[in-house]
Amino acid sequence: MELTCQICGQKVTIAEWTEEYERLKSHPDTPYICPSCQEKIRREANRETQR
């Protein structure tokens, strides 16, 4: 399954045997966010809570 990150537009291929594939297959309208963008969001959220 090929997905596009909703934030950066990077295309990623998800293997059928992964847990993420099963989650996205059962909820196809869920937006995909790549691991890189997830990490950026997590770091920014941590910075915001430390202020």
PDB file of N, CA and C in Angstrom:
ATOM      1  N   MET A   1       0.860  -1.166   0.000  1.00  0.00           N
ATOM      2  CA  MET A   1       0.000   0.000   0.000  1.00  0.00           C
ATOM      3  C   MET A   1       0.902   1.223   0.000  1.00  0.00           C
ATOM      4  N   GLU A   2       0.674   2.136  -0.931  1.00  0.00           N
ATOM      5  CA  GLU A   2       1.458   3.364  -0.984  1.00  0.00           C
ATOM      6  C   GLU A   2       0.633   4.496  -0.384  1.00  0.00           C
ATOM      7  N   LEU A   3       1.242   5.219   0.529  1.00  0.00           N
ATOM      8  CA  LEU A   3       0.576   6.316   1.216  1.00  0.00           C
ATOM      9  C   LEU A   3       1.371   7.593   1.036  1.00  0.00           C
ATOM     10  N   THR A   4       0.691   8.721   1.184  1.00  0.00           N
ATOM     11  CA  THR A   4       1.341  10.014   1.117  1.00  0.00           C
ATOM     12  C   THR A   4       1.159  10.713   2.446  1.00  0.00           C
ATOM     13  N   CYS A   5       2.262  11.212   3.007  1.00  0.00           N
ATOM     14  CA  CYS A   5       2.207  11.934   4.281  1.00  0.00           C
ATOM     15  C   CYS A   5       1.369  13.194   4.095  1.00  0.00           C
ATOM     16  N   GLN A   6       0.462  13.428   4.987  1.00  0.00           N
ATOM     17  CA  GLN A   6      -0.429  14.582   4.903  1.00  0.00           C
ATOM     18  C   GLN A   6       0.280  15.892   5.241  1.00  0.00           C
ATOM     19  N   ILE A   7       1.475  15.824   5.800  1.00  0.00           N
ATOM     20  CA  ILE A   7       2.206  17.029   6.180  1.00  0.00           C
ATOM     21  C   ILE A   7       3.266  17.395   5.154  1.00  0.00           C
ATOM     22  N   CYS A   8       4.161  16.468   4.837  1.00  0.00           N
ATOM     23  CA  CYS A   8       5.282  16.792   3.950  1.00  0.00           C
ATOM     24  C   CYS A   8       5.090  16.291   2.523  1.00  0.00           C
ATOM     25  N   GLY A   9       4.160  15.394   2.280  1.00  0.00           N
ATOM     26  CA  GLY A   9       3.902  14.888   0.940  1.00  0.00           C
ATOM     27  C   GLY A   9       4.780  13.722   0.518  1.00  0.00           C
ATOM     28  N   GLN A  10       5.635  13.238   1.420  1.00  0.00           N
ATOM     29  CA  GLN A  10       6.509  12.106   1.105  1.00  0.00           C
ATOM     30  C   GLN A  10       5.671  10.856   0.875  1.00  0.00           C
ATOM     31  N   LYS A  11       6.018  10.094  -0.168  1.00  0.00           N
ATOM     32  CA  LYS A  11       5.307   8.844  -0.458  1.00  0.00           C
ATOM     33  C   LYS A  11       6.040   7.695   0.219  1.00  0.00           C
ATOM     34  N   VAL A  12       5.272   6.830   0.883  1.00  0.00           N
ATOM     35  CA  VAL A  12       5.822   5.711   1.637  1.00  0.00           C
ATOM     36  C   VAL A  12       5.035   4.461   1.278  1.00  0.00           C
ATOM     37  N   THR A  13       5.744   3.348   1.148  1.00  0.00           N
ATOM     38  CA  THR A  13       5.091   2.067   0.906  1.00  0.00           C
ATOM     39  C   THR A  13       5.035   1.302   2.219  1.00  0.00           C
ATOM     40  N   ILE A  14       3.832   0.887   2.608  1.00  0.00           N
ATOM     41  CA  ILE A  14       3.614   0.145   3.842  1.00  0.00           C
ATOM     42  C   ILE A  14       3.409  -1.323   3.493  1.00  0.00           C
ATOM     43  N   ALA A  15       4.179  -2.202   4.116  1.00  0.00           N
ATOM     44  CA  ALA A  15       4.059  -3.640   3.864  1.00  0.00           C
ATOM     45  C   ALA A  15       2.743  -4.173   4.426  1.00  0.00           C
ATOM     46  N   GLU A  16       2.184  -5.174   3.757  1.00  0.00           N
ATOM     47  CA  GLU A  16       0.890  -5.728   4.162  1.00  0.00           C
ATOM     48  C   GLU A  16       0.929  -6.428   5.508  1.00  0.00           C
ATOM     49  N   TRP A  17       2.091  -6.870   5.955  1.00  0.00           N
ATOM     50  CA  TRP A  17       2.178  -7.621   7.209  1.00  0.00           C
ATOM     51  C   TRP A  17       2.346  -6.722   8.434  1.00  0.00           C
ATOM     52  N   THR A  18       2.402  -5.416   8.257  1.00  0.00           N
ATOM     53  CA  THR A  18       2.621  -4.519   9.398  1.00  0.00           C
ATOM     54  C   THR A  18       1.321  -4.186  10.127  1.00  0.00           C
ATOM     55  N   GLU A  19       1.476  -3.827  11.368  1.00  0.00           N
ATOM     56  CA  GLU A  19       0.340  -3.425  12.193  1.00  0.00           C
ATOM     57  C   GLU A  19      -0.288  -2.142  11.649  1.00  0.00           C
ATOM     58  N   GLU A  20       0.545  -1.241  11.161  1.00  0.00           N
ATOM     59  CA  GLU A  20       0.052   0.018  10.617  1.00  0.00           C
ATOM     60  C   GLU A  20      -0.823  -0.215   9.385  1.00  0.00           C
ATOM     61  N   TYR A  21      -0.449  -1.185   8.553  1.00  0.00           N
ATOM     62  CA  TYR A  21      -1.246  -1.523   7.375  1.00  0.00           C
ATOM     63  C   TYR A  21      -2.652  -1.957   7.796  1.00  0.00           C
ATOM     64  N   GLU A  22      -2.723  -2.827   8.781  1.00  0.00           N
ATOM     65  CA  GLU A  22      -4.024  -3.314   9.256  1.00  0.00           C
ATOM     66  C   GLU A  22      -4.875  -2.169   9.810  1.00  0.00           C
ATOM     67  N   ARG A  23      -4.247  -1.274  10.551  1.00  0.00           N
ATOM     68  CA  ARG A  23      -4.969  -0.140  11.133  1.00  0.00           C
ATOM     69  C   ARG A  23      -5.501   0.769  10.022  1.00  0.00           C
ATOM     70  N   LEU A  24      -4.670   1.050   9.027  1.00  0.00           N
ATOM     71  CA  LEU A  24      -5.100   1.922   7.936  1.00  0.00           C
ATOM     72  C   LEU A  24      -6.121   1.248   7.031  1.00  0.00           C
ATOM     73  N   LYS A  25      -6.027  -0.068   6.880  1.00  0.00           N
ATOM     74  CA  LYS A  25      -6.981  -0.803   6.055  1.00  0.00           C
ATOM     75  C   LYS A  25      -8.373  -0.764   6.688  1.00  0.00           C
ATOM     76  N   SER A  26      -8.429  -0.865   8.007  1.00  0.00           N
ATOM     77  CA  SER A  26      -9.728  -0.860   8.677  1.00  0.00           C
ATOM     78  C   SER A  26     -10.310   0.550   8.820  1.00  0.00           C
ATOM     79  N   HIS A  27      -9.457   1.583   8.723  1.00  0.00           N
ATOM     80  CA  HIS A  27      -9.900   2.978   8.803  1.00  0.00           C
ATOM     81  C   HIS A  27      -9.242   3.771   7.673  1.00  0.00           C
ATOM     82  N   PRO A  28      -9.699   3.591   6.431  1.00  0.00           N
ATOM     83  CA  PRO A  28      -9.024   4.205   5.282  1.00  0.00           C
ATOM     84  C   PRO A  28      -9.066   5.735   5.259  1.00  0.00           C
ATOM     85  N   ASP A  29      -9.982   6.345   5.995  1.00  0.00           N
ATOM     86  CA  ASP A  29     -10.068   7.809   5.992  1.00  0.00           C
ATOM     87  C   ASP A  29      -9.104   8.461   6.984  1.00  0.00           C
ATOM     88  N   THR A  30      -8.335   7.655   7.724  1.00  0.00           N
ATOM     89  CA  THR A  30      -7.368   8.178   8.684  1.00  0.00           C
ATOM     90  C   THR A  30      -6.192   8.802   7.934  1.00  0.00           C
ATOM     91  N   PRO A  31      -5.829  10.051   8.253  1.00  0.00           N
ATOM     92  CA  PRO A  31      -4.689  10.665   7.569  1.00  0.00           C
ATOM     93  C   PRO A  31      -3.376   9.990   7.973  1.00  0.00           C
ATOM     94  N   TYR A  32      -2.468   9.837   7.021  1.00  0.00           N
ATOM     95  CA  TYR A  32      -1.168   9.227   7.289  1.00  0.00           C
ATOM     96  C   TYR A  32      -0.142  10.321   7.539  1.00  0.00           C
ATOM     97  N   ILE A  33       0.648  10.158   8.600  1.00  0.00           N
ATOM     98  CA  ILE A  33       1.753  11.062   8.913  1.00  0.00           C
ATOM     99  C   ILE A  33       3.001  10.201   9.031  1.00  0.00           C
ATOM    100  N   CYS A  34       4.024  10.516   8.235  1.00  0.00           N
ATOM    101  CA  CYS A  34       5.242   9.716   8.200  1.00  0.00           C
ATOM    102  C   CYS A  34       5.993   9.798   9.532  1.00  0.00           C
ATOM    103  N   PRO A  35       6.853   8.826   9.811  1.00  0.00           N
ATOM    104  CA  PRO A  35       7.601   8.818  11.071  1.00  0.00           C
ATOM    105  C   PRO A  35       8.437  10.076  11.290  1.00  0.00           C
ATOM    106  N   SER A  36       8.985  10.639  10.227  1.00  0.00           N
ATOM    107  CA  SER A  36       9.784  11.855  10.359  1.00  0.00           C
ATOM    108  C   SER A  36       8.933  13.019  10.858  1.00  0.00           C
ATOM    109  N   CYS A  37       7.765  13.195  10.274  1.00  0.00           N
ATOM    110  CA  CYS A  37       6.867  14.269  10.701  1.00  0.00           C
ATOM    111  C   CYS A  37       6.311  13.994  12.097  1.00  0.00           C
ATOM    112  N   GLN A  38       6.058  12.734  12.418  1.00  0.00           N
ATOM    113  CA  GLN A  38       5.596  12.388  13.762  1.00  0.00           C
ATOM    114  C   GLN A  38       6.618  12.826  14.798  1.00  0.00           C
ATOM    115  N   GLU A  39       7.899  12.599  14.496  1.00  0.00           N
ATOM    116  CA  GLU A  39       8.965  12.977  15.420  1.00  0.00           C
ATOM    117  C   GLU A  39       9.049  14.498  15.565  1.00  0.00           C
ATOM    118  N   LYS A  40       8.916  15.226  14.462  1.00  0.00           N
ATOM    119  CA  LYS A  40       8.933  16.697  14.525  1.00  0.00           C
ATOM    120  C   LYS A  40       7.786  17.211  15.390  1.00  0.00           C
ATOM    121  N   ILE A  41       6.609  16.643  15.208  1.00  0.00           N
ATOM    122  CA  ILE A  41       5.434  17.055  15.983  1.00  0.00           C
ATOM    123  C   ILE A  41       5.639  16.743  17.463  1.00  0.00           C
ATOM    124  N   ARG A  42       6.185  15.559  17.761  1.00  0.00           N
ATOM    125  CA  ARG A  42       6.431  15.173  19.153  1.00  0.00           C
ATOM    126  C   ARG A  42       7.419  16.124  19.817  1.00  0.00           C
ATOM    127  N   ARG A  43       8.524  16.452  19.115  1.00  0.00           N
ATOM    128  CA  ARG A  43       9.531  17.363  19.680  1.00  0.00           C
ATOM    129  C   ARG A  43       8.949  18.747  19.924  1.00  0.00           C
ATOM    130  N   GLU A  44       8.162  19.239  18.986  1.00  0.00           N
ATOM    131  CA  GLU A  44       7.554  20.548  19.146  1.00  0.00           C
ATOM    132  C   GLU A  44       6.563  20.561  20.312  1.00  0.00           C
ATOM    133  N   ALA A  45       5.801  19.502  20.451  1.00  0.00           N
ATOM    134  CA  ALA A  45       4.839  19.412  21.559  1.00  0.00           C
ATOM    135  C   ALA A  45       5.582  19.389  22.894  1.00  0.00           C
ATOM    136  N   ASN A  46       6.699  18.669  22.953  1.00  0.00           N
ATOM    137  CA  ASN A  46       7.495  18.643  24.190  1.00  0.00           C
ATOM    138  C   ASN A  46       8.050  20.027  24.515  1.00  0.00           C
ATOM    139  N   ARG A  47       8.502  20.738  23.488  1.00  0.00           N
ATOM    140  CA  ARG A  47       9.017  22.088  23.691  1.00  0.00           C
ATOM    141  C   ARG A  47       7.929  23.012  24.226  1.00  0.00           C
ATOM    142  N   GLU A  48       6.726  22.889  23.679  1.00  0.00           N
ATOM    143  CA  GLU A  48       5.606  23.725  24.107  1.00  0.00           C
ATOM    144  C   GLU A  48       5.218  23.458  25.567  1.00  0.00           C
ATOM    145  N   THR A  49       5.268  22.196  25.977  1.00  0.00           N
ATOM    146  CA  THR A  49       4.869  21.880  27.351  1.00  0.00           C
ATOM    147  C   THR A  49       5.939  22.281  28.364  1.00  0.00           C
ATOM    148  N   GLN A  50       7.184  22.441  27.915  1.00  0.00           N
ATOM    149  CA  GLN A  50       8.257  22.831  28.819  1.00  0.00           C
ATOM    150  C   GLN A  50       8.279  24.337  29.066  1.00  0.00           C
ATOM    151  N   ARG A  51       7.551  25.102  28.305  1.00  0.00           N
ATOM    152  CA  ARG A  51       7.531  26.562  28.484  1.00  0.00           C
ATOM    153  C   ARG A  51       6.707  26.963  29.647  1.00  0.00           C
TER     154      ARG A  51
END
